[in-house]
């Protein structure tokens, strides 16, 4: 199974639908990296904690999938 990340074209459609960055508080994790991590788990079927660390924290991806 070949796994590819989001290219710039689909990302341009998705990015405006995401919530804006907060002005105060802790900076939000990179949305594109997190979404690629979610898609990786959904397409490969691996456990959340077994996905590559290049996609950031598995807890963040798991929580955002539920939102």
PDB file of N, CA and C in Angstrom:
ATOM      1  N   UNK A   1       0.849  -1.175   0.000  1.00  0.00           N
ATOM      2  CA  UNK A   1       0.000   0.000   0.000  1.00  0.00           C
ATOM      3  C   UNK A   1       0.895   1.239   0.000  1.00  0.00           C
ATOM      4  N   UNK A   2       0.652   2.088  -0.933  1.00  0.00           N
ATOM      5  CA  UNK A   2       1.433   3.319  -1.019  1.00  0.00           C
ATOM      6  C   UNK A   2       0.753   4.404  -0.203  1.00  0.00           C
ATOM      7  N   UNK A   3       1.530   5.104   0.571  1.00  0.00           N
ATOM      8  CA  UNK A   3       1.000   6.147   1.452  1.00  0.00           C
ATOM      9  C   UNK A   3       1.595   7.481   1.058  1.00  0.00           C
ATOM     10  N   UNK A   4       0.749   8.436   0.731  1.00  0.00           N
ATOM     11  CA  UNK A   4       1.212   9.766   0.362  1.00  0.00           C
ATOM     12  C   UNK A   4       0.603  10.796   1.298  1.00  0.00           C
ATOM     13  N   UNK A   5       1.298  11.893   1.481  1.00  0.00           N
ATOM     14  CA  UNK A   5       0.794  12.974   2.320  1.00  0.00           C
ATOM     15  C   UNK A   5      -0.021  13.943   1.481  1.00  0.00           C
ATOM     16  N   UNK A   6      -0.737  14.832   2.159  1.00  0.00           N
ATOM     17  CA  UNK A   6      -1.532  15.834   1.465  1.00  0.00           C
ATOM     18  C   UNK A   6      -0.634  16.753   0.651  1.00  0.00           C
ATOM     19  N   UNK A   7      -1.022  16.991  -0.585  1.00  0.00           N
ATOM     20  CA  UNK A   7      -0.287  17.935  -1.419  1.00  0.00           C
ATOM     21  C   UNK A   7      -0.830  19.343  -1.169  1.00  0.00           C
ATOM     22  N   UNK A   8      -0.228  20.317  -1.802  1.00  0.00           N
ATOM     23  CA  UNK A   8      -0.637  21.707  -1.584  1.00  0.00           C
ATOM     24  C   UNK A   8      -2.060  21.986  -2.062  1.00  0.00           C
ATOM     25  N   UNK A   9      -2.483  21.338  -3.143  1.00  0.00           N
ATOM     26  CA  UNK A   9      -3.824  21.610  -3.679  1.00  0.00           C
ATOM     27  C   UNK A   9      -4.946  21.209  -2.717  1.00  0.00           C
ATOM     28  N   UNK A  10      -4.974  19.956  -2.230  1.00  0.00           N
ATOM     29  CA  UNK A  10      -6.039  19.626  -1.264  1.00  0.00           C
ATOM     30  C   UNK A  10      -5.902  20.409   0.038  1.00  0.00           C
ATOM     31  N   UNK A  11      -4.671  20.690   0.445  1.00  0.00           N
ATOM     32  CA  UNK A  11      -4.474  21.445   1.674  1.00  0.00           C
ATOM     33  C   UNK A  11      -5.059  22.847   1.543  1.00  0.00           C
ATOM     34  N   UNK A  12      -4.969  23.447   0.358  1.00  0.00           N
ATOM     35  CA  UNK A  12      -5.540  24.776   0.131  1.00  0.00           C
ATOM     36  C   UNK A  12      -7.058  24.760   0.314  1.00  0.00           C
ATOM     37  N   UNK A  13      -7.711  23.637   0.050  1.00  0.00           N
ATOM     38  CA  UNK A  13      -9.162  23.522   0.261  1.00  0.00           C
ATOM     39  C   UNK A  13      -9.487  23.319   1.733  1.00  0.00           C
ATOM     40  N   UNK A  14      -8.650  22.575   2.441  1.00  0.00           N
ATOM     41  CA  UNK A  14      -8.927  22.212   3.828  1.00  0.00           C
ATOM     42  C   UNK A  14      -8.583  23.333   4.802  1.00  0.00           C
ATOM     43  N   UNK A  15      -7.481  24.022   4.575  1.00  0.00           N
ATOM     44  CA  UNK A  15      -6.978  25.002   5.540  1.00  0.00           C
ATOM     45  C   UNK A  15      -7.994  26.073   5.939  1.00  0.00           C
ATOM     46  N   UNK A  16      -8.780  26.637   5.012  1.00  0.00           N
ATOM     47  CA  UNK A  16      -9.760  27.650   5.441  1.00  0.00           C
ATOM     48  C   UNK A  16     -10.864  27.102   6.349  1.00  0.00           C
ATOM     49  N   UNK A  17     -11.067  25.804   6.373  1.00  0.00           N
ATOM     50  CA  UNK A  17     -12.116  25.203   7.201  1.00  0.00           C
ATOM     51  C   UNK A  17     -11.682  24.989   8.646  1.00  0.00           C
ATOM     52  N   UNK A  18     -10.385  25.101   8.923  1.00  0.00           N
ATOM     53  CA  UNK A  18      -9.862  24.880  10.268  1.00  0.00           C
ATOM     54  C   UNK A  18     -10.057  26.129  11.130  1.00  0.00           C
ATOM     55  N   UNK A  19     -10.117  25.951  12.437  1.00  0.00           N
ATOM     56  CA  UNK A  19     -10.281  27.120  13.315  1.00  0.00           C
ATOM     57  C   UNK A  19      -9.050  28.019  13.241  1.00  0.00           C
ATOM     58  N   UNK A  20      -9.234  29.322  13.454  1.00  0.00           N
ATOM     59  CA  UNK A  20      -8.087  30.240  13.404  1.00  0.00           C
ATOM     60  C   UNK A  20      -7.148  30.011  14.577  1.00  0.00           C
ATOM     61  N   UNK A  21      -5.906  30.446  14.418  1.00  0.00           N
ATOM     62  CA  UNK A  21      -4.932  30.321  15.497  1.00  0.00           C
ATOM     63  C   UNK A  21      -5.332  31.229  16.649  1.00  0.00           C
ATOM     64  N   UNK A  22      -5.146  30.744  17.865  1.00  0.00           N
ATOM     65  CA  UNK A  22      -5.491  31.516  19.055  1.00  0.00           C
ATOM     66  C   UNK A  22      -4.511  32.675  19.231  1.00  0.00           C
ATOM     67  N   UNK A  23      -4.997  33.780  19.718  1.00  0.00           N
ATOM     68  CA  UNK A  23      -4.134  34.943  19.938  1.00  0.00           C
ATOM     69  C   UNK A  23      -3.318  34.816  21.212  1.00  0.00           C
ATOM     70  N   UNK A  24      -3.834  34.065  22.163  1.00  0.00           N
ATOM     71  CA  UNK A  24      -3.138  33.889  23.440  1.00  0.00           C
ATOM     72  C   UNK A  24      -3.049  32.405  23.759  1.00  0.00           C
ATOM     73  N   UNK A  25      -2.246  32.081  24.740  1.00  0.00           N
ATOM     74  CA  UNK A  25      -2.152  30.698  25.190  1.00  0.00           C
ATOM     75  C   UNK A  25      -1.106  29.903  24.427  1.00  0.00           C
ATOM     76  N   UNK A  26      -1.168  28.628  24.617  1.00  0.00           N
ATOM     77  CA  UNK A  26      -0.207  27.721  24.010  1.00  0.00           C
ATOM     78  C   UNK A  26      -0.423  27.656  22.499  1.00  0.00           C
ATOM     79  N   UNK A  27       0.665  27.704  21.715  1.00  0.00           N
ATOM     80  CA  UNK A  27       0.498  27.612  20.259  1.00  0.00           C
ATOM     81  C   UNK A  27      -0.061  26.249  19.851  1.00  0.00           C
ATOM     82  N   UNK A  28      -0.931  26.260  18.883  1.00  0.00           N
ATOM     83  CA  UNK A  28      -1.564  25.048  18.381  1.00  0.00           C
ATOM     84  C   UNK A  28      -0.546  24.231  17.581  1.00  0.00           C
ATOM     85  N   UNK A  29      -0.615  22.912  17.681  1.00  0.00           N
ATOM     86  CA  UNK A  29       0.266  22.035  16.908  1.00  0.00           C
ATOM     87  C   UNK A  29      -0.006  22.229  15.418  1.00  0.00           C
ATOM     88  N   UNK A  30       0.978  21.951  14.603  1.00  0.00           N
ATOM     89  CA  UNK A  30       0.870  22.129  13.153  1.00  0.00           C
ATOM     90  C   UNK A  30      -0.303  21.304  12.608  1.00  0.00           C
ATOM     91  N   UNK A  31      -1.280  21.990  12.034  1.00  0.00           N
ATOM     92  CA  UNK A  31      -2.504  21.334  11.561  1.00  0.00           C
ATOM     93  C   UNK A  31      -2.229  20.356  10.423  1.00  0.00           C
ATOM     94  N   UNK A  32      -1.383  20.736   9.504  1.00  0.00           N
ATOM     95  CA  UNK A  32      -1.115  19.874   8.345  1.00  0.00           C
ATOM     96  C   UNK A  32      -0.413  18.585   8.774  1.00  0.00           C
ATOM     97  N   UNK A  33       0.556  18.707   9.658  1.00  0.00           N
ATOM     98  CA  UNK A  33       1.281  17.540  10.156  1.00  0.00           C
ATOM     99  C   UNK A  33       0.326  16.619  10.928  1.00  0.00           C
ATOM    100  N   UNK A  34      -0.523  17.205  11.741  1.00  0.00           N
ATOM    101  CA  UNK A  34      -1.469  16.420  12.530  1.00  0.00           C
ATOM    102  C   UNK A  34      -2.475  15.707  11.630  1.00  0.00           C
ATOM    103  N   UNK A  35      -2.991  16.403  10.624  1.00  0.00           N
ATOM    104  CA  UNK A  35      -3.950  15.785   9.707  1.00  0.00           C
ATOM    105  C   UNK A  35      -3.303  14.656   8.915  1.00  0.00           C
ATOM    106  N   UNK A  36      -2.069  14.841   8.488  1.00  0.00           N
ATOM    107  CA  UNK A  36      -1.366  13.758   7.801  1.00  0.00           C
ATOM    108  C   UNK A  36      -1.198  12.554   8.715  1.00  0.00           C
ATOM    109  N   UNK A  37      -0.956  12.785  10.001  1.00  0.00           N
ATOM    110  CA  UNK A  37      -0.851  11.685  10.957  1.00  0.00           C
ATOM    111  C   UNK A  37      -2.168  10.949  11.128  1.00  0.00           C
ATOM    112  N   UNK A  38      -3.271  11.692  11.171  1.00  0.00           N
ATOM    113  CA  UNK A  38      -4.595  11.068  11.271  1.00  0.00           C
ATOM    114  C   UNK A  38      -4.866  10.213  10.033  1.00  0.00           C
ATOM    115  N   UNK A  39      -4.586  10.756   8.869  1.00  0.00           N
ATOM    116  CA  UNK A  39      -4.803  10.007   7.631  1.00  0.00           C
ATOM    117  C   UNK A  39      -3.913   8.775   7.558  1.00  0.00           C
ATOM    118  N   UNK A  40      -2.707   8.867   8.092  1.00  0.00           N
ATOM    119  CA  UNK A  40      -1.804   7.721   8.104  1.00  0.00           C
ATOM    120  C   UNK A  40      -2.416   6.569   8.897  1.00  0.00           C
ATOM    121  N   UNK A  41      -2.929   6.873  10.073  1.00  0.00           N
ATOM    122  CA  UNK A  41      -3.526   5.825  10.909  1.00  0.00           C
ATOM    123  C   UNK A  41      -4.772   5.251  10.248  1.00  0.00           C
ATOM    124  N   UNK A  42      -5.598   6.103   9.676  1.00  0.00           N
ATOM    125  CA  UNK A  42      -6.839   5.627   9.070  1.00  0.00           C
ATOM    126  C   UNK A  42      -6.598   4.787   7.822  1.00  0.00           C
ATOM    127  N   UNK A  43      -5.530   5.070   7.080  1.00  0.00           N
ATOM    128  CA  UNK A  43      -5.272   4.297   5.861  1.00  0.00           C
ATOM    129  C   UNK A  43      -4.452   3.039   6.109  1.00  0.00           C
ATOM    130  N   UNK A  44      -3.573   3.058   7.111  1.00  0.00           N
ATOM    131  CA  UNK A  44      -2.734   1.882   7.367  1.00  0.00           C
ATOM    132  C   UNK A  44      -3.346   0.946   8.390  1.00  0.00           C
ATOM    133  N   UNK A  45      -4.164   1.475   9.286  1.00  0.00           N
ATOM    134  CA  UNK A  45      -4.771   0.647  10.316  1.00  0.00           C
ATOM    135  C   UNK A  45      -3.862   0.400  11.509  1.00  0.00           C
ATOM    136  N   UNK A  46      -2.757   1.127  11.601  1.00  0.00           N
ATOM    137  CA  UNK A  46      -1.846   0.927  12.732  1.00  0.00           C
ATOM    138  C   UNK A  46      -2.417   1.578  13.996  1.00  0.00           C
ATOM    139  N   UNK A  47      -1.813   1.266  15.131  1.00  0.00           N
ATOM    140  CA  UNK A  47      -2.227   1.895  16.378  1.00  0.00           C
ATOM    141  C   UNK A  47      -1.751   3.347  16.374  1.00  0.00           C
ATOM    142  N   UNK A  48      -2.433   4.194  17.117  1.00  0.00           N
ATOM    143  CA  UNK A  48      -2.078   5.609  17.168  1.00  0.00           C
ATOM    144  C   UNK A  48      -0.644   5.803  17.629  1.00  0.00           C
ATOM    145  N   UNK A  49      -0.224   5.055  18.629  1.00  0.00           N
ATOM    146  CA  UNK A  49       1.118   5.247  19.170  1.00  0.00           C
ATOM    147  C   UNK A  49       2.205   4.637  18.288  1.00  0.00           C
ATOM    148  N   UNK A  50       1.828   3.867  17.266  1.00  0.00           N
ATOM    149  CA  UNK A  50       2.809   3.241  16.384  1.00  0.00           C
ATOM    150  C   UNK A  50       3.075   4.029  15.104  1.00  0.00           C
ATOM    151  N   UNK A  51       2.401   5.127  14.922  1.00  0.00           N
ATOM    152  CA  UNK A  51       2.636   5.911  13.700  1.00  0.00           C
ATOM    153  C   UNK A  51       3.959   6.659  13.803  1.00  0.00           C
ATOM    154  N   UNK A  52       4.534   7.074  12.672  1.00  0.00           N
ATOM    155  CA  UNK A  52       5.836   7.751  12.704  1.00  0.00           C
ATOM    156  C   UNK A  52       5.808   9.030  13.533  1.00  0.00           C
ATOM    157  N   UNK A  53       6.899   9.282  14.219  1.00  0.00           N
ATOM    158  CA  UNK A  53       7.002  10.478  15.066  1.00  0.00           C
ATOM    159  C   UNK A  53       7.058  11.765  14.244  1.00  0.00           C
ATOM    160  N   UNK A  54       7.289  11.658  12.950  1.00  0.00           N
ATOM    161  CA  UNK A  54       7.325  12.835  12.079  1.00  0.00           C
ATOM    162  C   UNK A  54       5.970  13.553  12.040  1.00  0.00           C
ATOM    163  N   UNK A  55       4.909  12.866  12.432  1.00  0.00           N
ATOM    164  CA  UNK A  55       3.573  13.453  12.437  1.00  0.00           C
ATOM    165  C   UNK A  55       3.214  14.110  13.760  1.00  0.00           C
ATOM    166  N   UNK A  56       4.143  14.199  14.677  1.00  0.00           N
ATOM    167  CA  UNK A  56       3.888  14.845  15.956  1.00  0.00           C
ATOM    168  C   UNK A  56       3.326  13.873  16.979  1.00  0.00           C
ATOM    169  N   UNK A  57       2.747  14.439  18.011  1.00  0.00           N
ATOM    170  CA  UNK A  57       2.226  13.656  19.122  1.00  0.00           C
ATOM    171  C   UNK A  57       1.001  12.834  18.704  1.00  0.00           C
ATOM    172  N   UNK A  58       1.013  11.550  19.072  1.00  0.00           N
ATOM    173  CA  UNK A  58      -0.147  10.720  18.732  1.00  0.00           C
ATOM    174  C   UNK A  58      -1.363  11.129  19.545  1.00  0.00           C
ATOM    175  N   UNK A  59      -1.154  11.665  20.770  1.00  0.00           N
ATOM    176  CA  UNK A  59      -2.293  12.101  21.578  1.00  0.00           C
ATOM    177  C   UNK A  59      -3.010  13.274  20.914  1.00  0.00           C
ATOM    178  N   UNK A  60      -2.251  14.190  20.339  1.00  0.00           N
ATOM    179  CA  UNK A  60      -2.854  15.339  19.659  1.00  0.00           C
ATOM    180  C   UNK A  60      -3.690  14.874  18.478  1.00  0.00           C
ATOM    181  N   UNK A  61      -3.140  13.985  17.672  1.00  0.00           N
ATOM    182  CA  UNK A  61      -3.872  13.480  16.502  1.00  0.00           C
ATOM    183  C   UNK A  61      -5.131  12.739  16.927  1.00  0.00           C
ATOM    184  N   UNK A  62      -5.012  11.920  17.966  1.00  0.00           N
ATOM    185  CA  UNK A  62      -6.168  11.157  18.437  1.00  0.00           C
ATOM    186  C   UNK A  62      -7.268  12.092  18.921  1.00  0.00           C
ATOM    187  N   UNK A  63      -6.885  13.129  19.698  1.00  0.00           N
ATOM    188  CA  UNK A  63      -7.872  14.082  20.209  1.00  0.00           C
ATOM    189  C   UNK A  63      -8.544  14.866  19.078  1.00  0.00           C
ATOM    190  N   UNK A  64      -7.760  15.304  18.115  1.00  0.00           N
ATOM    191  CA  UNK A  64      -8.333  16.100  17.016  1.00  0.00           C
ATOM    192  C   UNK A  64      -9.228  15.264  16.120  1.00  0.00           C
ATOM    193  N   UNK A  65      -8.963  13.994  16.004  1.00  0.00           N
ATOM    194  CA  UNK A  65      -9.835  13.118  15.214  1.00  0.00           C
ATOM    195  C   UNK A  65     -11.224  13.095  15.825  1.00  0.00           C
ATOM    196  N   UNK A  66     -11.301  13.213  17.127  1.00  0.00           N
ATOM    197  CA  UNK A  66     -12.574  13.164  17.826  1.00  0.00           C
ATOM    198  C   UNK A  66     -13.337  14.481  17.774  1.00  0.00           C
ATOM    199  N   UNK A  67     -12.667  15.580  17.482  1.00  0.00           N
ATOM    200  CA  UNK A  67     -13.325  16.903  17.508  1.00  0.00           C
ATOM    201  C   UNK A  67     -14.239  17.099  16.334  1.00  0.00           C
TER     202      UNK A  67
END
